[in-house]
Each structure stands twice: as structure tokens, then as C-alpha cells.
N, C-alpha and C. Protein backbone atom coordinates (compact mmCIF):
# COMPACT_ATOMS: atom_id res chain seq x y z
N MET A 1 -22.19 -21.18 55.76
CA MET A 1 -24.25 -21.26 55.40
C MET A 1 -24.30 -20.95 54.14
N ILE A 2 -24.54 -21.97 53.57
CA ILE A 2 -25.48 -22.39 52.12
C ILE A 2 -26.88 -21.84 52.14
N ARG A 3 -27.28 -21.25 51.22
CA ARG A 3 -28.38 -20.02 51.20
C ARG A 3 -29.33 -20.15 49.61
N GLN A 4 -30.50 -20.67 49.37
CA GLN A 4 -30.99 -20.39 48.26
C GLN A 4 -31.45 -19.28 48.36
N VAL A 5 -30.87 -19.20 46.69
CA VAL A 5 -31.79 -17.54 46.10
C VAL A 5 -33.11 -18.26 46.02
N THR A 6 -34.03 -17.12 46.21
CA THR A 6 -35.15 -17.29 45.98
C THR A 6 -35.20 -15.81 44.49
N PRO A 7 -36.73 -16.41 43.99
CA PRO A 7 -36.63 -15.09 42.97
C PRO A 7 -36.81 -13.80 43.42
N GLN A 8 -37.37 -13.69 44.48
CA GLN A 8 -37.29 -12.19 45.44
C GLN A 8 -36.28 -11.87 45.74
N GLU A 9 -35.39 -12.47 45.74
CA GLU A 9 -33.53 -12.04 45.99
C GLU A 9 -32.97 -11.80 44.63
N ALA A 10 -32.88 -12.43 43.59
CA ALA A 10 -32.54 -12.53 42.47
C ALA A 10 -33.12 -11.20 41.46
N LYS A 11 -33.12 -10.34 41.57
CA LYS A 11 -33.57 -8.86 41.64
C LYS A 11 -32.84 -8.39 39.95
N PRO A 12 -32.94 -7.92 39.00
CA PRO A 12 -32.18 -7.66 37.88
C PRO A 12 -31.47 -5.88 38.82
N SER A 13 -29.94 -5.76 37.78
CA SER A 13 -29.48 -5.19 38.18
C SER A 13 -29.67 -3.96 37.80
N LYS A 14 -28.98 -2.87 38.16
CA LYS A 14 -29.20 -1.11 38.25
C LYS A 14 -29.21 -1.09 36.52
N SER A 15 -28.21 -1.88 35.83
CA SER A 15 -27.86 -1.46 34.15
C SER A 15 -29.48 -2.01 33.88
N GLN A 16 -29.64 -3.02 33.87
CA GLN A 16 -30.77 -4.16 33.44
C GLN A 16 -32.16 -3.24 33.55
N ARG A 17 -32.30 -2.62 34.69
CA ARG A 17 -33.40 -1.88 34.93
C ARG A 17 -33.60 0.00 34.35
N LYS A 18 -32.33 0.08 33.85
CA LYS A 18 -32.52 1.23 33.28
C LYS A 18 -32.43 1.43 31.75
N ARG A 19 -31.78 -0.02 31.53
CA ARG A 19 -32.12 -0.65 29.78
C ARG A 19 -33.65 -0.23 29.89
N ALA A 20 -34.04 -0.99 30.53
CA ALA A 20 -35.68 -1.16 30.59
C ALA A 20 -36.51 -0.18 30.08
N MET A 21 -36.22 1.13 31.20
CA MET A 21 -37.00 2.38 31.20
C MET A 21 -36.37 3.02 29.95
N ASN A 22 -34.68 2.57 29.45
CA ASN A 22 -34.67 3.70 28.16
C ASN A 22 -35.78 2.76 27.72
N HIS A 23 -35.99 1.54 27.00
CA HIS A 23 -36.85 1.37 26.29
C HIS A 23 -38.39 1.25 26.23
N LEU A 24 -38.62 1.56 27.15
CA LEU A 24 -39.88 2.08 27.48
C LEU A 24 -39.96 3.51 27.03
N GLN A 25 -39.65 4.50 27.36
CA GLN A 25 -39.59 5.61 27.15
C GLN A 25 -39.25 5.78 25.76
N ASP A 26 -38.12 4.65 24.95
CA ASP A 26 -38.55 4.87 23.59
C ASP A 26 -39.90 4.62 22.58
N LEU A 27 -40.70 3.53 23.64
CA LEU A 27 -41.85 3.30 22.80
C LEU A 27 -42.79 4.33 23.32
N GLY A 28 -42.63 5.30 24.55
CA GLY A 28 -43.52 6.44 24.43
C GLY A 28 -43.10 7.39 23.42
N GLU A 29 -41.93 7.28 22.98
CA GLU A 29 -41.90 8.32 21.94
C GLU A 29 -42.01 7.73 20.95
N ALA A 30 -42.46 6.58 20.10
CA ALA A 30 -43.07 6.25 18.97
C ALA A 30 -44.64 6.51 19.38
N LEU A 31 -44.55 6.62 20.58
CA LEU A 31 -46.47 7.44 20.65
C LEU A 31 -46.50 8.55 20.73
N VAL A 32 -45.76 9.08 20.80
CA VAL A 32 -45.79 10.71 20.72
C VAL A 32 -45.25 11.27 19.52
N THR A 33 -45.21 10.49 18.07
CA THR A 33 -44.12 10.78 17.14
C THR A 33 -45.46 10.28 16.30
N LEU A 34 -46.41 9.21 16.49
CA LEU A 34 -47.46 9.00 15.51
C LEU A 34 -47.87 10.03 15.03
N ARG A 35 -48.23 9.84 13.63
CA ARG A 35 -49.47 11.11 13.10
C ARG A 35 -50.93 10.94 13.61
N ASP A 36 -51.26 12.35 13.79
CA ASP A 36 -52.74 12.43 14.21
C ASP A 36 -53.45 11.60 13.91
N ASN A 37 -53.19 10.60 13.04
CA ASN A 37 -54.77 9.45 12.75
C ASN A 37 -54.58 8.59 12.73
N GLU A 38 -53.02 8.52 12.89
CA GLU A 38 -52.64 6.87 13.73
C GLU A 38 -52.75 6.91 14.81
N PHE A 39 -52.25 8.01 15.69
CA PHE A 39 -52.62 8.14 17.44
C PHE A 39 -54.15 8.34 17.83
N ALA A 40 -55.25 8.74 16.92
CA ALA A 40 -56.22 8.47 16.99
C ALA A 40 -57.26 6.80 17.27
N ARG A 41 -56.36 6.44 16.76
CA ARG A 41 -56.86 4.83 16.18
C ARG A 41 -56.04 3.71 17.25
N VAL A 42 -55.29 4.34 18.26
CA VAL A 42 -54.35 3.50 19.30
C VAL A 42 -55.04 3.83 20.63
N LYS A 43 -55.71 2.86 21.19
CA LYS A 43 -56.70 2.62 22.37
C LYS A 43 -55.21 2.10 23.50
N LEU A 44 -55.53 3.71 24.23
CA LEU A 44 -54.64 3.47 25.67
C LEU A 44 -55.40 3.75 26.44
N PRO A 45 -54.85 3.29 27.93
CA PRO A 45 -55.19 3.51 28.91
C PRO A 45 -55.08 5.24 29.20
N GLU A 46 -56.48 5.51 29.96
CA GLU A 46 -56.70 6.93 30.44
C GLU A 46 -55.26 7.91 30.87
N ARG A 47 -54.74 7.16 31.91
CA ARG A 47 -53.75 7.80 32.03
C ARG A 47 -52.34 8.13 30.66
N LEU A 48 -52.17 7.38 30.41
CA LEU A 48 -51.53 6.86 29.30
C LEU A 48 -51.16 8.34 28.22
N ARG A 49 -52.86 8.08 28.09
CA ARG A 49 -53.22 8.77 26.69
C ARG A 49 -52.99 10.26 26.75
N ASP A 50 -53.25 10.38 28.53
CA ASP A 50 -53.19 12.12 28.82
C ASP A 50 -51.46 12.47 29.23
N ALA A 51 -50.52 11.72 29.61
CA ALA A 51 -49.31 12.23 29.38
C ALA A 51 -49.00 11.65 28.05
N VAL A 52 -49.08 11.40 26.89
CA VAL A 52 -48.93 11.24 26.11
C VAL A 52 -49.69 12.68 25.10
N VAL A 53 -50.71 12.99 25.14
CA VAL A 53 -51.61 14.21 24.72
C VAL A 53 -50.41 15.62 25.14
N ALA A 54 -50.14 15.44 26.24
CA ALA A 54 -49.95 16.11 26.93
C ALA A 54 -48.07 16.54 26.20
N CYS A 55 -47.58 15.53 26.68
CA CYS A 55 -45.99 15.65 25.69
C CYS A 55 -46.17 15.73 23.90
N ARG A 56 -47.21 15.86 23.51
CA ARG A 56 -47.16 16.00 22.07
C ARG A 56 -47.52 17.76 22.06
N LEU A 57 -48.07 18.55 23.45
CA LEU A 57 -48.11 19.57 22.96
C LEU A 57 -47.13 20.48 23.48
N ILE A 58 -46.24 19.81 23.81
CA ILE A 58 -44.81 20.35 24.87
C ILE A 58 -43.79 20.97 23.36
N LYS A 59 -43.49 22.00 23.29
CA LYS A 59 -42.22 22.22 22.21
C LYS A 59 -41.08 22.47 22.64
N ALA A 60 -40.81 23.01 24.12
CA ALA A 60 -39.77 23.34 24.39
C ALA A 60 -39.00 21.83 24.83
N HIS A 61 -37.86 21.67 24.36
CA HIS A 61 -36.39 20.69 24.39
C HIS A 61 -36.55 20.31 25.97
N GLU A 62 -36.05 20.55 26.57
CA GLU A 62 -36.28 20.06 28.27
C GLU A 62 -37.43 19.54 28.84
N ALA A 63 -38.48 20.38 28.76
CA ALA A 63 -40.10 19.92 29.30
C ALA A 63 -40.53 18.58 28.31
N LYS A 64 -39.93 18.77 27.03
CA LYS A 64 -40.50 17.02 26.31
C LYS A 64 -39.73 15.98 27.11
N ARG A 65 -38.07 16.50 27.27
CA ARG A 65 -37.85 15.33 27.63
C ARG A 65 -38.05 14.67 29.06
N ARG A 66 -38.27 15.58 29.93
CA ARG A 66 -39.02 14.99 31.50
C ARG A 66 -40.00 14.57 30.93
N GLN A 67 -40.99 14.99 30.27
CA GLN A 67 -42.40 14.48 29.83
C GLN A 67 -41.99 13.02 29.37
N LEU A 68 -41.42 12.71 28.42
CA LEU A 68 -41.17 11.64 28.18
C LEU A 68 -40.80 10.57 28.84
N GLN A 69 -39.90 11.05 30.02
CA GLN A 69 -40.13 9.86 30.70
C GLN A 69 -41.15 10.07 32.13
N TYR A 70 -41.87 10.91 32.07
CA TYR A 70 -43.23 11.05 32.81
C TYR A 70 -43.83 9.06 31.59
N VAL A 71 -44.00 9.84 30.41
CA VAL A 71 -44.45 8.74 29.65
C VAL A 71 -44.11 6.98 30.08
N GLY A 72 -42.94 6.81 30.13
CA GLY A 72 -42.24 5.67 30.47
C GLY A 72 -42.51 5.28 31.98
N ARG A 73 -42.47 6.56 32.90
CA ARG A 73 -43.13 5.74 33.81
C ARG A 73 -44.70 5.65 34.08
N VAL A 74 -45.24 6.01 33.48
CA VAL A 74 -46.52 5.73 33.17
C VAL A 74 -46.99 4.48 32.44
N MET A 75 -46.17 3.45 31.81
CA MET A 75 -45.66 2.55 31.00
C MET A 75 -44.98 1.83 31.88
N ARG A 76 -43.97 1.83 32.54
CA ARG A 76 -43.55 1.25 34.15
C ARG A 76 -45.01 0.17 34.38
N GLU A 77 -45.97 1.31 34.92
CA GLU A 77 -47.02 1.20 35.80
C GLU A 77 -47.83 0.19 35.10
N LEU A 78 -48.23 -0.04 33.70
CA LEU A 78 -49.27 -0.42 32.97
C LEU A 78 -48.76 -2.02 33.86
N ASP A 79 -50.47 -3.30 33.53
CA ASP A 79 -50.14 -4.21 33.99
C ASP A 79 -49.80 -5.33 32.38
N GLU A 80 -49.23 -6.03 32.04
CA GLU A 80 -48.81 -7.18 30.80
C GLU A 80 -49.91 -6.46 30.14
N THR A 81 -51.07 -6.91 30.84
CA THR A 81 -52.11 -7.29 29.32
C THR A 81 -52.01 -5.60 28.58
N GLU A 82 -51.96 -4.71 29.77
CA GLU A 82 -52.24 -3.71 29.50
C GLU A 82 -50.66 -2.80 28.38
N PHE A 83 -49.97 -3.34 28.78
CA PHE A 83 -48.84 -3.23 28.27
C PHE A 83 -48.67 -3.89 26.26
N ARG A 84 -49.36 -5.30 26.61
CA ARG A 84 -48.91 -6.33 25.58
C ARG A 84 -49.86 -5.28 24.63
N SER A 85 -51.16 -4.85 24.70
CA SER A 85 -52.47 -4.33 24.28
C SER A 85 -51.69 -3.14 23.59
N VAL A 86 -51.01 -2.57 24.05
CA VAL A 86 -50.39 -1.40 23.72
C VAL A 86 -49.12 -1.54 22.74
N LEU A 87 -48.37 -2.33 22.49
CA LEU A 87 -47.66 -2.41 21.83
C LEU A 87 -48.03 -3.11 20.36
N LEU A 88 -49.07 -4.34 20.66
CA LEU A 88 -49.95 -4.62 19.67
C LEU A 88 -50.10 -3.75 18.41
N GLN A 89 -50.86 -2.55 19.37
CA GLN A 89 -51.39 -1.71 18.74
C GLN A 89 -49.88 -0.99 17.58
N LEU A 90 -48.98 -0.77 18.62
CA LEU A 90 -47.85 0.29 18.23
C LEU A 90 -47.16 -0.21 17.05
N GLN A 91 -47.32 -1.65 17.05
CA GLN A 91 -46.44 -2.34 15.89
C GLN A 91 -46.93 -2.20 14.60
N LYS A 92 -48.39 -1.69 14.72
CA LYS A 92 -48.73 -1.64 13.15
C LYS A 92 -48.02 -0.23 12.34
N PHE A 93 -47.79 0.53 13.27
CA PHE A 93 -47.30 1.97 13.04
C PHE A 93 -45.92 2.05 12.80
N ARG A 94 -45.35 1.39 13.88
CA ARG A 94 -43.96 1.29 14.38
C ARG A 94 -43.21 -0.34 14.91
N PRO A 95 -43.19 -0.89 13.51
CA PRO A 95 -42.92 -2.55 13.97
C PRO A 95 -41.48 -2.14 14.12
N VAL A 96 -40.15 -1.29 13.98
CA VAL A 96 -38.83 -1.83 14.18
C VAL A 96 -38.79 -1.02 15.61
N THR A 97 -39.38 0.09 16.23
CA THR A 97 -38.93 0.07 17.68
C THR A 97 -39.79 -0.78 18.92
N VAL A 98 -41.04 -1.39 17.78
CA VAL A 98 -41.77 -2.31 19.01
C VAL A 98 -41.04 -3.89 19.14
N SER A 99 -39.89 -4.14 18.26
CA SER A 99 -39.65 -5.44 18.30
C SER A 99 -38.46 -4.77 19.17
N LYS A 100 -37.65 -3.85 19.56
CA LYS A 100 -36.79 -3.67 20.84
C LYS A 100 -37.35 -3.65 22.03
N ALA A 101 -38.67 -3.05 21.35
CA ALA A 101 -39.17 -2.91 23.20
C ALA A 101 -39.42 -4.55 23.65
N ASN A 102 -39.49 -5.08 23.41
CA ASN A 102 -39.76 -6.57 23.41
C ASN A 102 -38.92 -7.35 24.66
N GLU A 103 -37.73 -6.38 25.17
CA GLU A 103 -36.67 -6.96 26.12
C GLU A 103 -37.85 -5.58 27.37
N ALA A 104 -38.26 -5.15 27.31
CA ALA A 104 -38.65 -4.33 28.59
C ALA A 104 -40.22 -4.77 28.99
N THR A 105 -40.92 -5.31 28.06
CA THR A 105 -42.26 -5.59 29.05
C THR A 105 -42.18 -6.43 30.56
N PRO A 106 -42.80 -5.37 30.90
CA PRO A 106 -42.72 -5.48 32.88
C PRO A 106 -43.65 -7.05 32.42
N SER A 107 -43.15 -7.57 33.42
CA SER A 107 -43.86 -9.12 33.93
C SER A 107 -43.48 -9.41 35.29
N THR A 108 -44.29 -10.17 35.83
CA THR A 108 -44.08 -10.80 37.16
C THR A 108 -42.74 -12.28 36.91
N SER A 109 -42.67 -12.75 35.72
CA SER A 109 -41.68 -13.54 35.70
C SER A 109 -40.49 -13.10 35.43
N SER A 110 -40.45 -11.80 35.29
CA SER A 110 -39.16 -11.04 34.33
C SER A 110 -37.98 -11.40 35.00
N GLN A 111 -37.69 -11.64 36.37
CA GLN A 111 -37.40 -11.44 37.01
C GLN A 111 -36.39 -13.26 37.19
N THR A 112 -37.40 -13.89 37.10
CA THR A 112 -36.57 -15.33 36.42
C THR A 112 -36.36 -15.48 34.69
N SER A 113 -36.90 -14.90 33.83
CA SER A 113 -35.96 -15.11 32.68
C SER A 113 -35.13 -14.15 32.48
N MET A 114 -34.84 -12.69 33.66
CA MET A 114 -33.21 -12.40 33.50
C MET A 114 -32.10 -13.37 34.27
N PHE A 115 -32.64 -13.82 35.23
CA PHE A 115 -31.87 -14.95 36.00
C PHE A 115 -32.22 -16.21 35.87
N PRO A 116 -32.58 -16.99 34.71
CA PRO A 116 -33.14 -18.37 34.78
C PRO A 116 -32.07 -19.29 35.98
N GLN A 117 -30.85 -19.16 36.08
CA GLN A 117 -30.28 -19.73 36.81
C GLN A 117 -30.33 -19.76 38.64
N ALA A 118 -31.42 -19.04 38.90
CA ALA A 118 -31.37 -18.45 40.10
C ALA A 118 -31.87 -19.42 41.38
N GLY A 119 -33.20 -20.09 40.58
CA GLY A 119 -33.35 -21.25 41.57
C GLY A 119 -32.99 -22.62 41.57
N GLU A 120 -31.39 -22.74 40.89
CA GLU A 120 -30.60 -23.86 41.37
C GLU A 120 -29.32 -23.05 41.82
N LYS A 121 -29.13 -21.87 41.97
CA LYS A 121 -27.68 -21.20 42.37
C LYS A 121 -27.83 -21.20 43.95
N THR A 122 -26.69 -20.98 44.28
CA THR A 122 -26.51 -21.30 45.79
C THR A 122 -25.71 -20.22 45.87
N LEU A 123 -25.74 -19.65 47.01
CA LEU A 123 -24.44 -18.64 47.79
C LEU A 123 -23.95 -19.54 48.19
């Protein structure tokens, strides 16, 4: 039996998801390490701002690492327009970090961009 692979079935591999999560954590770390005057100028969604502020206050290494993971999780929950807005604002202060993050952009079309042949491929 030949079956067409639909975009819903062609999901990214576990390694691809982990790389995307690590990129988001790197972006979160860039937000946390901004200087106070730079951070004050960045407009973030309330939940993300709260997570970043909490991380900035934490001094213990392991607790900070866990909080950075949470910041990455909150960033994964942002819709694409909010995420792009955060990227554009962060780009003013950390252009190198932002250029790596373009791979981690959450998008409804991310599955098709990771698997462009999925529509034509049969199993």
C-alpha cells in the first residue's frame, strides 16, 4: 500500500527539536545578559518578561540553568509575530546571537521548511 505523507505526519526529528530548543535557550540567555538600560528598552510579552526578570535575580548556577530552560519554554509558546518582535529588538543589542536563532523560529510552516520533499514523498 502506498501512502502519501501529509505535513502532520512529517514532523521534525527529536534532534531537530532539541537543536531548536537549545537555540531558544541561547536567545533567552542573551535576554538575561542584556545590560539594565538595554533590557528596559526591550518590549516583551508579560510572561516572558517575568521569566527573564526572575532569571536575572537568580545567582545559584543550577537554579539559573533551570530558569533559562523555562525562559526557552516560554519562548516556544510565543506566536510567530511575538517571536519576531523579540528577535528584532534583541538584534539591536546582540546581532550574532539573533542570526543563529533564525533556525529556531516557531512557525506553523516549520515542518514543511524542514521537510520540503514531504508533499511529494511516498512511503
